[in-house]
Amino acid sequence: MNSSEQKEYQHNIPTTTEIADTLDLVRNKLALPEIWTEPNEDIREGYTEVLRILSERVEVFEEIDQSLASEEAKKLAVWAVKYLRGEGITLERLLSVAVKRP
């Protein structure tokens, strides 16, 4: 395998500081008044699970809360695990789900 092929397989696992910063950004998102409205219920559920995943450093999909009700929440949870594992989900992507205005 040459060096360009090896780069494709490199993971960008976030540092402890990056995870702490990401947790702060997720908390800020959950502090938005709009996220507590009905149109954002699925997003709120997802980011609440993201907060748990990042806090507990959950790196296996089987540890995602199986009671998540929406596809949006499940997607965010999977993204959080992939972010921690360095599998192509960036901080920007993890936080990219827009909160809907009521």
N, C-alpha and C. Protein backbone atom coordinates (compact mmCIF):
# COMPACT_ATOMS: atom_id res chain seq x y z
N MET A 1 0.85 -1.17 0.00
CA MET A 1 0.00 0.00 0.00
C MET A 1 0.89 1.23 0.00
N ASN A 2 0.66 2.16 -0.94
CA ASN A 2 1.49 3.36 -0.97
C ASN A 2 0.95 4.41 0.00
N SER A 3 1.68 5.51 0.17
CA SER A 3 1.33 6.50 1.19
C SER A 3 0.00 7.18 0.91
N SER A 4 -0.37 7.37 -0.35
CA SER A 4 -1.65 8.00 -0.64
C SER A 4 -2.81 7.07 -0.28
N GLU A 5 -2.61 5.77 -0.44
CA GLU A 5 -3.65 4.82 -0.04
C GLU A 5 -3.75 4.75 1.48
N GLN A 6 -2.63 4.87 2.17
CA GLN A 6 -2.65 4.83 3.63
C GLN A 6 -3.42 6.02 4.19
N LYS A 7 -3.31 7.18 3.57
CA LYS A 7 -4.01 8.37 4.05
C LYS A 7 -5.52 8.16 4.04
N GLU A 8 -6.02 7.42 3.07
CA GLU A 8 -7.45 7.17 3.00
C GLU A 8 -7.94 6.41 4.23
N TYR A 9 -7.10 5.65 4.87
CA TYR A 9 -7.50 4.82 5.99
C TYR A 9 -7.18 5.45 7.34
N GLN A 10 -6.52 6.61 7.34
CA GLN A 10 -6.20 7.27 8.59
C GLN A 10 -7.47 7.82 9.22
N HIS A 11 -7.54 7.70 10.53
CA HIS A 11 -8.69 8.21 11.27
C HIS A 11 -8.29 9.49 11.98
N ASN A 12 -9.21 10.40 12.10
CA ASN A 12 -8.99 11.63 12.85
C ASN A 12 -9.78 11.54 14.15
N ILE A 13 -9.26 10.81 15.09
CA ILE A 13 -9.92 10.64 16.38
C ILE A 13 -9.78 11.94 17.16
N PRO A 14 -10.89 12.48 17.67
CA PRO A 14 -10.81 13.75 18.39
C PRO A 14 -10.06 13.61 19.71
N THR A 15 -9.37 14.68 20.07
CA THR A 15 -8.64 14.70 21.34
C THR A 15 -9.63 14.94 22.48
N THR A 16 -9.16 14.76 23.70
CA THR A 16 -9.99 15.02 24.88
C THR A 16 -10.48 16.47 24.88
N THR A 17 -9.62 17.39 24.50
CA THR A 17 -10.00 18.80 24.44
C THR A 17 -11.06 19.04 23.37
N GLU A 18 -10.89 18.42 22.21
CA GLU A 18 -11.88 18.57 21.13
C GLU A 18 -13.23 17.99 21.55
N ILE A 19 -13.21 16.88 22.25
CA ILE A 19 -14.47 16.30 22.73
C ILE A 19 -15.13 17.23 23.74
N ALA A 20 -14.34 17.80 24.65
CA ALA A 20 -14.88 18.75 25.63
C ALA A 20 -15.49 19.96 24.94
N ASP A 21 -14.81 20.48 23.93
CA ASP A 21 -15.33 21.61 23.17
C ASP A 21 -16.62 21.24 22.44
N THR A 22 -16.65 20.04 21.90
CA THR A 22 -17.86 19.56 21.20
C THR A 22 -19.02 19.43 22.18
N LEU A 23 -18.74 18.91 23.37
CA LEU A 23 -19.78 18.82 24.40
C LEU A 23 -20.36 20.19 24.71
N ASP A 24 -19.50 21.20 24.83
CA ASP A 24 -19.97 22.56 25.08
C ASP A 24 -20.88 23.05 23.96
N LEU A 25 -20.50 22.78 22.72
CA LEU A 25 -21.30 23.20 21.58
C LEU A 25 -22.65 22.48 21.53
N VAL A 26 -22.67 21.20 21.89
CA VAL A 26 -23.93 20.46 21.94
C VAL A 26 -24.81 21.02 23.05
N ARG A 27 -24.21 21.30 24.20
CA ARG A 27 -24.99 21.91 25.31
C ARG A 27 -25.58 23.25 24.88
N ASN A 28 -24.79 24.05 24.15
CA ASN A 28 -25.29 25.33 23.65
C ASN A 28 -26.47 25.13 22.72
N LYS A 29 -26.39 24.11 21.87
CA LYS A 29 -27.49 23.82 20.95
C LYS A 29 -28.74 23.41 21.74
N LEU A 30 -28.54 22.60 22.78
CA LEU A 30 -29.67 22.17 23.60
C LEU A 30 -30.23 23.30 24.47
N ALA A 31 -29.48 24.39 24.61
CA ALA A 31 -29.94 25.54 25.39
C ALA A 31 -30.79 26.51 24.56
N LEU A 32 -30.83 26.31 23.25
CA LEU A 32 -31.65 27.18 22.40
C LEU A 32 -33.13 26.99 22.73
N PRO A 33 -33.86 28.05 22.95
CA PRO A 33 -35.29 27.91 23.25
C PRO A 33 -36.06 27.17 22.16
N GLU A 34 -35.67 27.38 20.90
CA GLU A 34 -36.38 26.76 19.78
C GLU A 34 -36.30 25.24 19.79
N ILE A 35 -35.22 24.70 20.35
CA ILE A 35 -35.05 23.24 20.33
C ILE A 35 -36.09 22.56 21.22
N TRP A 36 -36.70 23.32 22.12
CA TRP A 36 -37.68 22.76 23.05
C TRP A 36 -39.11 22.88 22.53
N THR A 37 -39.25 23.21 21.24
CA THR A 37 -40.58 23.25 20.64
C THR A 37 -40.86 21.93 19.92
N GLU A 38 -42.13 21.68 19.69
CA GLU A 38 -42.53 20.40 19.09
C GLU A 38 -41.86 20.09 17.74
N PRO A 39 -41.70 21.08 16.85
CA PRO A 39 -41.06 20.74 15.57
C PRO A 39 -39.63 20.23 15.70
N ASN A 40 -39.01 20.46 16.85
CA ASN A 40 -37.62 20.06 17.05
C ASN A 40 -37.47 18.88 18.01
N GLU A 41 -38.54 18.21 18.30
CA GLU A 41 -38.50 17.10 19.26
C GLU A 41 -37.49 16.02 18.86
N ASP A 42 -37.46 15.66 17.59
CA ASP A 42 -36.54 14.62 17.12
C ASP A 42 -35.08 15.07 17.22
N ILE A 43 -34.84 16.33 16.87
CA ILE A 43 -33.49 16.89 16.95
C ILE A 43 -33.04 16.95 18.41
N ARG A 44 -33.92 17.40 19.27
CA ARG A 44 -33.61 17.47 20.71
C ARG A 44 -33.27 16.09 21.26
N GLU A 45 -34.09 15.09 20.90
CA GLU A 45 -33.83 13.73 21.35
C GLU A 45 -32.45 13.25 20.87
N GLY A 46 -32.13 13.56 19.62
CA GLY A 46 -30.85 13.16 19.06
C GLY A 46 -29.67 13.83 19.75
N TYR A 47 -29.76 15.13 19.94
CA TYR A 47 -28.65 15.83 20.57
C TYR A 47 -28.52 15.50 22.05
N THR A 48 -29.61 15.13 22.68
CA THR A 48 -29.52 14.66 24.07
C THR A 48 -28.74 13.35 24.12
N GLU A 49 -28.97 12.47 23.16
CA GLU A 49 -28.22 11.22 23.08
C GLU A 49 -26.76 11.49 22.68
N VAL A 50 -26.53 12.44 21.80
CA VAL A 50 -25.16 12.83 21.43
C VAL A 50 -24.40 13.27 22.69
N LEU A 51 -25.05 14.05 23.52
CA LEU A 51 -24.44 14.51 24.76
C LEU A 51 -24.02 13.33 25.64
N ARG A 52 -24.89 12.34 25.76
CA ARG A 52 -24.56 11.15 26.55
C ARG A 52 -23.42 10.37 25.92
N ILE A 53 -23.48 10.18 24.62
CA ILE A 53 -22.45 9.41 23.91
C ILE A 53 -21.08 10.06 24.08
N LEU A 54 -21.02 11.37 23.90
CA LEU A 54 -19.74 12.05 24.04
C LEU A 54 -19.26 12.05 25.49
N SER A 55 -20.17 12.27 26.42
CA SER A 55 -19.80 12.30 27.84
C SER A 55 -19.26 10.97 28.31
N GLU A 56 -19.90 9.89 27.86
CA GLU A 56 -19.51 8.54 28.29
C GLU A 56 -18.51 7.88 27.35
N ARG A 57 -18.13 8.60 26.29
CA ARG A 57 -17.18 8.08 25.29
C ARG A 57 -17.64 6.74 24.71
N VAL A 58 -18.91 6.69 24.32
CA VAL A 58 -19.48 5.48 23.73
C VAL A 58 -18.93 5.32 22.31
N GLU A 59 -18.25 4.21 22.06
CA GLU A 59 -17.64 4.00 20.75
C GLU A 59 -18.15 2.74 20.05
N VAL A 60 -19.23 2.16 20.54
CA VAL A 60 -19.82 0.99 19.88
C VAL A 60 -21.31 1.28 19.63
N PHE A 61 -21.74 0.91 18.45
CA PHE A 61 -23.11 1.21 18.05
C PHE A 61 -24.14 0.52 18.94
N GLU A 62 -23.79 -0.63 19.48
CA GLU A 62 -24.72 -1.39 20.32
C GLU A 62 -25.07 -0.65 21.61
N GLU A 63 -24.27 0.34 21.99
CA GLU A 63 -24.53 1.10 23.21
C GLU A 63 -25.36 2.35 22.97
N ILE A 64 -25.80 2.55 21.73
CA ILE A 64 -26.72 3.66 21.44
C ILE A 64 -28.07 3.30 22.05
N ASP A 65 -28.72 4.29 22.63
CA ASP A 65 -30.04 4.08 23.25
C ASP A 65 -31.02 3.52 22.21
N GLN A 66 -31.45 2.30 22.43
CA GLN A 66 -32.34 1.62 21.48
C GLN A 66 -33.77 2.15 21.52
N SER A 67 -34.08 2.99 22.50
CA SER A 67 -35.44 3.52 22.60
C SER A 67 -35.61 4.84 21.84
N LEU A 68 -34.58 5.28 21.12
CA LEU A 68 -34.72 6.51 20.34
C LEU A 68 -35.88 6.34 19.36
N ALA A 69 -36.77 7.31 19.35
CA ALA A 69 -38.02 7.16 18.59
C ALA A 69 -37.90 7.55 17.12
N SER A 70 -37.01 8.45 16.80
CA SER A 70 -36.99 8.97 15.43
C SER A 70 -35.73 8.59 14.68
N GLU A 71 -35.85 8.59 13.37
CA GLU A 71 -34.68 8.34 12.51
C GLU A 71 -33.66 9.46 12.66
N GLU A 72 -34.14 10.69 12.83
CA GLU A 72 -33.24 11.84 13.01
C GLU A 72 -32.37 11.64 14.26
N ALA A 73 -32.98 11.24 15.36
CA ALA A 73 -32.24 11.01 16.60
C ALA A 73 -31.25 9.87 16.44
N LYS A 74 -31.66 8.80 15.80
CA LYS A 74 -30.77 7.65 15.58
C LYS A 74 -29.58 8.05 14.71
N LYS A 75 -29.84 8.85 13.68
CA LYS A 75 -28.77 9.31 12.79
C LYS A 75 -27.75 10.12 13.58
N LEU A 76 -28.21 11.03 14.41
CA LEU A 76 -27.30 11.85 15.21
C LEU A 76 -26.48 10.99 16.16
N ALA A 77 -27.10 9.98 16.75
CA ALA A 77 -26.39 9.08 17.66
C ALA A 77 -25.30 8.31 16.93
N VAL A 78 -25.61 7.80 15.75
CA VAL A 78 -24.61 7.08 14.95
C VAL A 78 -23.48 8.03 14.57
N TRP A 79 -23.82 9.25 14.17
CA TRP A 79 -22.79 10.22 13.83
C TRP A 79 -21.87 10.48 15.02
N ALA A 80 -22.43 10.57 16.23
CA ALA A 80 -21.62 10.83 17.42
C ALA A 80 -20.61 9.70 17.65
N VAL A 81 -21.07 8.46 17.51
CA VAL A 81 -20.16 7.32 17.68
C VAL A 81 -19.07 7.37 16.61
N LYS A 82 -19.46 7.63 15.37
CA LYS A 82 -18.48 7.71 14.29
C LYS A 82 -17.49 8.86 14.52
N TYR A 83 -17.98 9.98 15.04
CA TYR A 83 -17.11 11.11 15.37
C TYR A 83 -16.05 10.68 16.39
N LEU A 84 -16.47 10.00 17.45
CA LEU A 84 -15.53 9.55 18.48
C LEU A 84 -14.53 8.54 17.93
N ARG A 85 -14.96 7.74 16.98
CA ARG A 85 -14.08 6.72 16.40
C ARG A 85 -13.21 7.27 15.28
N GLY A 86 -13.43 8.53 14.89
CA GLY A 86 -12.66 9.13 13.82
C GLY A 86 -13.03 8.60 12.45
N GLU A 87 -14.30 8.29 12.27
CA GLU A 87 -14.75 7.65 11.03
C GLU A 87 -15.49 8.61 10.09
N GLY A 88 -14.88 9.74 9.80
CA GLY A 88 -15.40 10.60 8.75
C GLY A 88 -16.48 11.58 9.16
N ILE A 89 -16.88 11.61 10.40
CA ILE A 89 -17.87 12.60 10.85
C ILE A 89 -17.10 13.70 11.58
N THR A 90 -17.17 14.89 11.02
CA THR A 90 -16.48 16.03 11.62
C THR A 90 -17.38 16.69 12.65
N LEU A 91 -16.79 17.56 13.43
CA LEU A 91 -17.55 18.37 14.39
C LEU A 91 -18.63 19.15 13.65
N GLU A 92 -18.25 19.74 12.52
CA GLU A 92 -19.21 20.54 11.75
C GLU A 92 -20.39 19.69 11.29
N ARG A 93 -20.10 18.48 10.84
CA ARG A 93 -21.18 17.59 10.38
C ARG A 93 -22.08 17.19 11.55
N LEU A 94 -21.47 16.89 12.69
CA LEU A 94 -22.22 16.48 13.87
C LEU A 94 -23.19 17.58 14.31
N LEU A 95 -22.77 18.81 14.17
CA LEU A 95 -23.60 19.94 14.62
C LEU A 95 -24.42 20.55 13.50
N SER A 96 -24.45 19.93 12.34
CA SER A 96 -25.05 20.53 11.16
C SER A 96 -26.57 20.47 11.08
N VAL A 97 -27.20 19.69 11.92
CA VAL A 97 -28.66 19.58 11.83
C VAL A 97 -29.27 20.87 12.38
N ALA A 98 -29.98 21.56 11.52
CA ALA A 98 -30.52 22.87 11.87
C ALA A 98 -31.75 22.74 12.75
N VAL A 99 -31.82 23.63 13.74
CA VAL A 99 -32.99 23.72 14.58
C VAL A 99 -34.05 24.51 13.82
N LYS A 100 -35.26 23.96 13.76
CA LYS A 100 -36.34 24.59 13.02
C LYS A 100 -36.93 25.72 13.85
N ARG A 101 -37.26 26.80 13.20
CA ARG A 101 -37.92 27.94 13.86
C ARG A 101 -39.41 27.61 14.00
N PRO A 102 -39.97 27.85 15.17
CA PRO A 102 -41.40 27.54 15.35
C PRO A 102 -42.30 28.48 14.56
